[in-house]
């Protein structure tokens, strides 16, 4: 393994960052969950914010994706009202800004937030309103961040075509793409072809969770059958790499610059990786894949972009150049117009790494 490098935490926090894979309902502030739960009458495992944060991290660290997903019961319970959505969306943006993030794509499943009587379109409109409020406050504080939205269909349900329609309806209001999320095994993305075909007709990009709990076949299906432009997680692409030699599927992903939205801490919790030091993100980076670094769920994984960077520096020997590279990778594959991506790279990221 590469000799360890040292980059202090304050420096890492100041570095401009880009996150492509971060779930709104997995990143609430613990104190906000406590406050909103009291308002709506939802019972939590504990009402102490510090203890609740620890409970999330411990409960999600079972090594099982299904159990990891089950921890979202409590965050979703407090995201069923307009007030809850406005607050969590605004705080989401402010937390990214405080972490040095300059561009973020937030994703969530509107169909999971209608139990309080909100219509799907009301959910999306309210979240966009909260994100806009957060961006305005961050800019006023001198820490501007651009946040765009991906709407998720749930792979175990049948509303993905409906959610795709929502993406089209809000495409000029900050919603830039689509995702299929939820338990992978037994719920193939091809079950949702109608949604993907509709999005392609409308020229809207999408990513698909694949290669996390399920192996190479899920990556193949996401790319070749469904037409995904990025892959959520994708750690199992290493199944097609032997002694540094790439198989046909791995070669396709690398050579066509398909971004892998990798989430090291989350992958340790779900059993998709065994350690930060041995996480596939480092080997894939060194092999020339377009890897990106992400948080997945900041509350559930007890993490931030600064923490993910710090772990890779301390345990996998990453350098400042490695961190710059994955940040540029993320912006190159962001679901933003080309000129906006270039401007962020040229005017914000590259100067920010010129320490």
Protein backbone atom coordinates (compact mmCIF):
# COMPACT_ATOMS: atom_id res chain seq x y z
CA UNK A 1 0.00 0.00 0.00
CA UNK A 2 1.12 3.55 -0.67
CA UNK A 3 2.87 5.26 2.24
CA UNK A 4 0.41 7.34 4.24
CA UNK A 5 0.05 11.03 3.46
CA UNK A 6 -0.97 13.79 5.80
CA UNK A 7 -3.43 16.53 4.92
CA UNK A 8 -4.93 18.26 7.91
CA UNK A 9 -8.70 18.28 8.41
CA UNK A 10 -9.06 22.04 8.06
CA UNK A 11 -7.37 21.93 4.67
CA UNK A 12 -9.58 19.05 3.57
CA UNK A 13 -12.70 20.92 4.68
CA UNK A 14 -11.72 23.98 2.66
CA UNK A 15 -11.12 22.03 -0.54
CA UNK A 16 -13.91 22.46 -3.12
CA UNK A 17 -15.88 19.24 -3.42
CA UNK A 18 -18.53 17.74 -5.66
CA UNK A 19 -20.93 15.00 -4.57
CA UNK A 20 -23.11 13.08 -7.02
CA UNK A 21 -24.55 10.37 -4.79
CA UNK A 22 -26.20 11.66 -1.62
CA UNK A 23 -29.70 10.81 -0.40
CA UNK A 24 -31.81 13.58 1.13
CA UNK A 25 -33.57 11.23 3.54
CA UNK A 26 -30.24 9.76 4.66
CA UNK A 27 -28.62 13.07 5.58
CA UNK A 28 -30.84 14.79 8.14
CA UNK A 29 -29.36 16.46 11.21
CA UNK A 30 -30.02 14.29 14.28
CA UNK A 31 -31.44 17.26 16.20
CA UNK A 32 -33.83 17.97 13.34
CA UNK A 33 -35.07 14.39 13.38
CA UNK A 34 -35.74 14.74 17.11
CA UNK A 35 -37.55 18.07 16.70
CA UNK A 36 -39.71 16.97 13.79
CA UNK A 37 -40.51 13.60 15.36
CA UNK A 38 -41.89 15.38 18.42
CA UNK A 39 -44.01 17.58 16.17
CA UNK A 40 -45.57 14.69 14.23
CA UNK A 41 -45.77 12.27 17.17
CA UNK A 42 -43.28 9.71 15.87
CA UNK A 43 -41.40 7.55 18.39
CA UNK A 44 -37.62 7.40 17.96
CA UNK A 45 -35.10 4.93 19.44
CA UNK A 46 -33.83 7.89 21.52
CA UNK A 47 -34.54 11.60 21.73
CA UNK A 48 -30.95 12.55 22.44
CA UNK A 49 -29.41 13.81 19.15
CA UNK A 50 -25.96 12.42 19.91
CA UNK A 51 -27.34 9.03 20.88
CA UNK A 52 -29.57 9.02 17.80
CA UNK A 53 -26.60 9.66 15.52
CA UNK A 54 -24.76 6.74 17.13
CA UNK A 55 -27.86 4.54 16.83
CA UNK A 56 -28.06 5.22 13.09
CA UNK A 57 -24.43 4.40 12.49
CA UNK A 58 -24.56 1.21 14.55
CA UNK A 59 -27.90 0.02 13.13
CA UNK A 60 -26.73 0.59 9.57
CA UNK A 61 -23.44 -1.22 10.08
CA UNK A 62 -24.84 -4.74 9.93
CA UNK A 63 -23.17 -5.68 6.65
CA UNK A 64 -26.57 -6.11 5.01
CA UNK A 65 -28.07 -3.67 2.48
CA UNK A 66 -31.67 -4.49 3.37
CA UNK A 67 -31.10 -3.77 7.08
CA UNK A 68 -29.18 -0.61 6.14
CA UNK A 69 -32.20 0.63 4.18
CA UNK A 70 -34.54 -0.19 7.08
CA UNK A 71 -32.97 2.58 9.20
CA UNK A 72 -34.69 5.14 6.97
CA UNK A 73 -38.00 4.50 8.74
CA UNK A 74 -37.37 7.34 11.18
CA UNK A 75 -36.11 9.98 8.76
CA UNK A 76 -38.96 9.30 6.35
CA UNK A 77 -41.46 9.58 9.20
CA UNK A 78 -40.52 13.24 9.68
CA UNK A 79 -40.51 14.08 5.95
CA UNK A 80 -44.24 13.74 5.25
CA UNK A 81 -45.21 17.39 5.75
CA UNK A 82 -44.44 20.61 3.94
CA UNK A 83 -42.68 21.96 7.04
CA UNK A 84 -40.53 18.87 7.39
CA UNK A 85 -39.51 18.89 3.73
CA UNK A 86 -38.72 22.61 3.67
CA UNK A 87 -36.53 22.38 6.76
CA UNK A 88 -34.64 19.24 5.78
CA UNK A 89 -34.00 20.48 2.23
CA UNK A 90 -32.71 23.87 3.39
CA UNK A 91 -30.48 22.32 6.05
CA UNK A 92 -29.21 19.81 3.51
CA UNK A 93 -27.77 22.63 1.40
CA UNK A 94 -26.30 24.49 4.37
CA UNK A 95 -24.58 21.32 5.59
CA UNK A 96 -23.01 20.76 2.16
CA UNK A 97 -21.80 24.36 2.08
CA UNK A 98 -20.23 24.00 5.54
CA UNK A 99 -18.40 20.91 4.26
CA UNK A 100 -16.83 22.74 1.32
CA UNK A 101 -19.12 21.24 -1.32
CA UNK A 102 -19.52 23.54 -4.34
CA UNK A 103 -21.74 21.23 -6.39
CA UNK A 104 -24.11 18.56 -5.16
CA UNK A 105 -26.77 16.31 -6.62
CA UNK A 106 -29.33 15.31 -4.02
CA UNK A 107 -31.60 12.34 -4.61
CA UNK A 108 -34.75 11.08 -2.96
CA UNK A 109 -37.91 9.10 -3.74
CA UNK A 110 -41.02 11.33 -3.77
CA UNK A 111 -43.30 8.29 -3.50
CA UNK A 112 -41.96 7.67 0.02
CA UNK A 113 -43.06 11.12 1.20
CA UNK A 114 -46.79 11.17 0.46
CA UNK A 115 -48.13 9.52 3.63
CA UNK A 116 -49.04 12.92 5.09
CA UNK A 117 -51.34 13.75 2.21
CA UNK A 118 -48.98 15.66 -0.08
CA UNK A 119 -49.25 14.92 -3.79
CA UNK A 120 -46.09 13.82 -5.60
CA UNK A 121 -45.80 17.18 -7.34
CA UNK A 122 -46.20 18.98 -4.01
CA UNK A 123 -43.35 16.94 -2.54
CA UNK A 124 -41.02 17.86 -5.39
CA UNK A 125 -42.05 21.51 -5.44
CA UNK A 126 -41.57 21.82 -1.69
CA UNK A 127 -38.13 20.21 -1.72
CA UNK A 128 -37.04 22.51 -4.56
CA UNK A 129 -38.28 25.48 -2.53
CA UNK A 130 -36.25 24.38 0.48
CA UNK A 131 -33.13 23.79 -1.61
CA UNK A 132 -33.45 27.25 -3.15
CA UNK A 133 -33.73 28.82 0.30
CA UNK A 134 -30.60 26.96 1.41
CA UNK A 135 -28.64 28.03 -1.66
CA UNK A 136 -29.62 31.67 -1.10
CA UNK A 137 -28.48 31.53 2.53
CA UNK A 138 -25.22 29.78 1.62
CA UNK A 139 -24.45 32.36 -1.06
CA UNK A 140 -25.21 35.21 1.35
CA UNK A 141 -22.79 33.66 3.85
CA UNK A 142 -20.01 33.55 1.25
CA UNK A 143 -20.09 29.77 0.76
CA UNK A 144 -22.04 29.33 -2.49
CA UNK A 145 -23.08 25.83 -3.53
CA UNK A 146 -25.08 24.67 -6.51
CA UNK A 147 -27.48 21.83 -5.75
CA UNK A 148 -29.48 19.92 -8.35
CA UNK A 149 -31.96 17.10 -7.83
CA UNK A 150 -32.36 13.50 -8.96
CA UNK A 151 -35.73 11.86 -8.38
CA UNK A 152 -35.68 8.17 -7.48
CA UNK A 153 -38.11 5.47 -8.43
CA UNK A 154 -38.12 2.53 -6.02
CA UNK A 155 -37.15 -0.70 -7.73
CA UNK A 156 -39.50 -2.85 -5.63
CA UNK A 157 -42.57 -0.74 -6.51
CA UNK A 158 -44.31 0.17 -9.76
CA UNK A 159 -44.35 3.99 -9.82
CA UNK A 160 -41.09 4.58 -11.71
CA UNK A 161 -42.82 5.71 -14.91
CA UNK A 162 -44.82 8.21 -12.85
CA UNK A 163 -41.64 9.50 -11.22
CA UNK A 164 -40.03 9.84 -14.65
CA UNK A 165 -42.93 12.11 -15.62
CA UNK A 166 -42.14 14.24 -12.56
CA UNK A 167 -38.53 14.63 -13.69
CA UNK A 168 -39.77 15.91 -17.05
CA UNK A 169 -42.25 18.27 -15.36
CA UNK A 170 -39.57 19.80 -13.10
CA UNK A 171 -36.65 19.73 -15.53
CA UNK A 172 -36.54 23.53 -15.67
CA UNK A 173 -36.86 23.88 -11.89
CA UNK A 174 -33.64 22.20 -10.76
CA UNK A 175 -34.45 18.51 -11.29
CA UNK A 176 -31.74 17.21 -13.62
CA UNK A 177 -32.02 13.42 -13.61
CA UNK A 178 -33.44 10.12 -12.40
CA UNK A 179 -32.33 7.10 -10.41
CA UNK A 180 -33.65 3.69 -9.45
CA UNK A 181 -32.98 2.93 -5.77
CA UNK A 182 -33.86 0.34 -3.15
CA UNK A 183 -32.90 -3.28 -2.54
CA UNK A 184 -30.97 -4.56 -5.56
CA UNK A 185 -31.17 -8.32 -5.26
CA UNK A 186 -34.35 -9.67 -6.85
CA UNK A 187 -35.43 -6.29 -8.26
CA UNK A 188 -33.62 -5.83 -11.59
CA UNK A 189 -33.57 -2.37 -13.17
CA UNK A 190 -34.97 -3.77 -16.43
CA UNK A 191 -38.33 -4.06 -14.66
CA UNK A 192 -38.49 -0.27 -15.13
CA UNK A 193 -37.69 -0.03 -18.82
CA UNK A 194 -40.77 2.09 -19.53
CA UNK A 195 -39.36 4.83 -17.31
CA UNK A 196 -35.91 4.68 -18.89
CA UNK A 197 -37.27 4.71 -22.43
CA UNK A 198 -39.41 7.75 -21.60
CA UNK A 199 -36.41 9.58 -20.13
CA UNK A 200 -34.30 8.83 -23.20
CA UNK A 201 -37.02 10.21 -25.45
CA UNK A 202 -37.02 13.37 -23.32
CA UNK A 203 -33.20 13.66 -23.35
CA UNK A 204 -32.94 13.34 -19.58
CA UNK A 205 -29.94 11.52 -18.07
CA UNK A 206 -30.19 8.89 -15.37
CA UNK A 207 -28.07 6.81 -13.05
CA UNK A 208 -28.87 3.39 -11.59
CA UNK A 209 -27.85 1.78 -8.31
CA UNK A 210 -25.98 -1.34 -9.44
CA UNK A 211 -23.04 -3.51 -8.47
CA UNK A 212 -23.46 -2.99 -4.73
CA UNK A 213 -25.47 -5.89 -3.28
CA UNK A 214 -25.68 -7.62 -6.66
CA UNK A 215 -22.83 -8.36 -9.01
CA UNK A 216 -21.77 -7.89 -12.63
CA UNK A 217 -25.16 -8.82 -14.15
CA UNK A 218 -26.75 -5.79 -12.47
CA UNK A 219 -24.08 -3.47 -13.91
CA UNK A 220 -24.46 -5.01 -17.35
CA UNK A 221 -28.24 -4.62 -17.24
CA UNK A 222 -28.06 -1.03 -15.99
CA UNK A 223 -25.76 -0.03 -18.84
CA UNK A 224 -26.60 -2.22 -21.81
CA UNK A 225 -30.31 -2.86 -21.29
CA UNK A 226 -31.42 0.33 -19.52
CA UNK A 227 -28.88 2.83 -20.86
CA UNK A 228 -27.63 4.44 -17.62
CA UNK A 229 -25.08 7.24 -17.97
CA UNK A 230 -23.61 6.61 -14.50
CA UNK A 231 -23.56 3.75 -12.01
CA UNK A 232 -24.46 4.16 -8.34
CA UNK A 233 -21.75 2.38 -6.32
CA UNK A 234 -20.51 -0.17 -8.89
CA UNK A 235 -17.94 -1.74 -6.55
CA UNK A 236 -18.60 -5.20 -8.02
CA UNK A 237 -17.06 -4.14 -11.33
CA UNK A 238 -13.91 -5.58 -9.76
CA UNK A 239 -15.39 -9.05 -10.37
CA UNK A 240 -14.42 -8.46 -14.00
CA UNK A 241 -10.82 -7.50 -13.25
CA UNK A 242 -8.20 -10.20 -12.67
CA UNK A 243 -4.58 -9.26 -11.87
CA UNK A 244 -5.13 -5.82 -13.34
CA UNK A 245 -6.54 -7.19 -16.60
CA UNK A 246 -9.96 -5.84 -17.49
CA UNK A 247 -12.74 -8.07 -18.81
CA UNK A 248 -15.14 -6.86 -21.47
CA UNK A 249 -17.63 -5.30 -19.04
CA UNK A 250 -14.99 -3.54 -16.97
CA UNK A 251 -13.31 -2.33 -20.16
CA UNK A 252 -16.61 -0.91 -21.43
CA UNK A 253 -17.10 1.06 -18.21
CA UNK A 254 -13.58 2.46 -18.16
CA UNK A 255 -13.19 3.19 -21.85
CA UNK A 256 -16.51 5.02 -22.18
CA UNK A 257 -15.81 7.12 -19.07
CA UNK A 258 -18.92 5.91 -17.24
CA UNK A 259 -18.75 7.45 -13.79
CA UNK A 260 -18.82 5.17 -10.77
CA UNK A 261 -20.50 6.91 -7.80
CA UNK A 262 -18.46 5.28 -5.05
CA UNK A 263 -19.31 5.59 -1.34
CA UNK A 264 -16.57 3.97 0.80
CA UNK A 265 -18.03 4.22 4.32
CA UNK A 266 -21.49 3.17 3.17
CA UNK A 267 -20.00 0.18 1.35
CA UNK A 268 -18.29 -0.96 4.54
CA UNK A 269 -21.62 -0.80 6.37
CA UNK A 270 -23.48 -2.84 3.76
CA UNK A 271 -20.73 -5.42 3.33
CA UNK A 272 -19.87 -4.34 -0.23
CA UNK A 273 -16.28 -3.64 0.88
CA UNK A 274 -14.11 -4.86 3.74
CA UNK A 275 -11.98 -1.82 4.63
CA UNK A 276 -11.14 1.70 3.49
CA UNK A 277 -7.57 0.60 2.75
CA UNK A 278 -8.80 -2.18 0.44
CA UNK A 279 -11.87 -0.42 -0.96
CA UNK A 280 -12.01 -0.83 -4.77
CA UNK A 281 -12.11 2.93 -5.31
CA UNK A 282 -8.32 3.14 -5.04
CA UNK A 283 -7.53 0.30 -7.43
CA UNK A 284 -10.14 1.52 -9.91
CA UNK A 285 -8.73 5.06 -9.73
CA UNK A 286 -5.27 3.72 -10.46
CA UNK A 287 -6.60 1.69 -13.41
CA UNK A 288 -8.04 4.81 -14.99
CA UNK A 289 -11.73 4.42 -14.22
CA UNK A 290 -13.79 7.56 -13.76
CA UNK A 291 -14.36 7.10 -10.05
CA UNK A 292 -16.13 9.73 -7.97
CA UNK A 293 -16.19 10.06 -4.18
CA UNK A 294 -19.53 10.34 -2.39
CA UNK A 295 -21.21 10.16 1.02
CA UNK A 296 -24.40 8.20 0.14
CA UNK A 297 -26.17 8.94 3.46
CA UNK A 298 -24.44 11.35 5.81
CA UNK A 299 -26.53 10.65 8.91
CA UNK A 300 -26.82 6.91 8.40
CA UNK A 301 -23.10 6.53 7.63
CA UNK A 302 -21.94 9.15 10.13
CA UNK A 303 -19.93 10.87 7.45
CA UNK A 304 -19.22 13.96 5.36
CA UNK A 305 -17.21 14.54 2.20
CA UNK A 306 -14.39 15.83 4.38
CA UNK A 307 -14.45 12.61 6.39
CA UNK A 308 -14.49 10.41 3.28
CA UNK A 309 -11.47 12.29 1.95
CA UNK A 310 -9.69 12.05 5.28
CA UNK A 311 -10.22 8.30 5.50
CA UNK A 312 -8.77 7.76 2.02
CA UNK A 313 -5.78 9.98 2.78
CA UNK A 314 -5.05 8.27 6.09
CA UNK A 315 -5.86 4.66 5.23
CA UNK A 316 -5.38 4.35 1.46
CA UNK A 317 -2.53 6.78 0.83
CA UNK A 318 -4.48 9.28 -1.26
CA UNK A 319 -2.81 12.55 -2.21
CA UNK A 320 -4.12 16.03 -2.90
CA UNK A 321 -3.87 15.20 -6.60
CA UNK A 322 -6.07 12.11 -6.11
CA UNK A 323 -8.71 14.24 -4.37
CA UNK A 324 -8.58 16.85 -7.12
CA UNK A 325 -8.96 14.16 -9.75
CA UNK A 326 -12.10 12.58 -8.29
CA UNK A 327 -13.61 16.04 -7.81
CA UNK A 328 -12.99 16.91 -11.46
CA UNK A 329 -14.32 13.46 -12.42
CA UNK A 330 -17.57 14.19 -10.59
CA UNK A 331 -18.06 17.51 -12.34
CA UNK A 332 -17.25 16.01 -15.73
CA UNK A 333 -20.07 13.51 -15.17
CA UNK A 334 -22.52 15.84 -13.41
CA UNK A 335 -25.96 16.13 -14.98
CA UNK A 336 -25.27 19.79 -15.80
CA UNK A 337 -24.78 21.51 -19.16
CA UNK A 338 -21.21 21.29 -20.47
CA UNK A 339 -20.44 24.99 -20.06
CA UNK A 340 -21.61 25.01 -16.44
CA UNK A 341 -19.46 21.96 -15.62
CA UNK A 342 -16.43 23.54 -17.26
CA UNK A 343 -16.92 26.79 -15.40
CA UNK A 344 -17.01 25.03 -12.02
CA UNK A 345 -13.86 23.07 -12.84
CA UNK A 346 -11.97 26.07 -14.25
CA UNK A 347 -13.08 28.80 -11.88
CA UNK A 348 -13.69 26.98 -8.60
CA UNK A 349 -12.13 23.52 -8.34
CA UNK A 350 -8.73 23.94 -9.99
CA UNK A 351 -7.92 27.19 -8.14
CA UNK A 352 -9.13 25.59 -4.90
CA UNK A 353 -6.62 22.76 -5.20
CA UNK A 354 -3.70 25.04 -6.09
CA UNK A 355 -2.45 25.13 -2.50
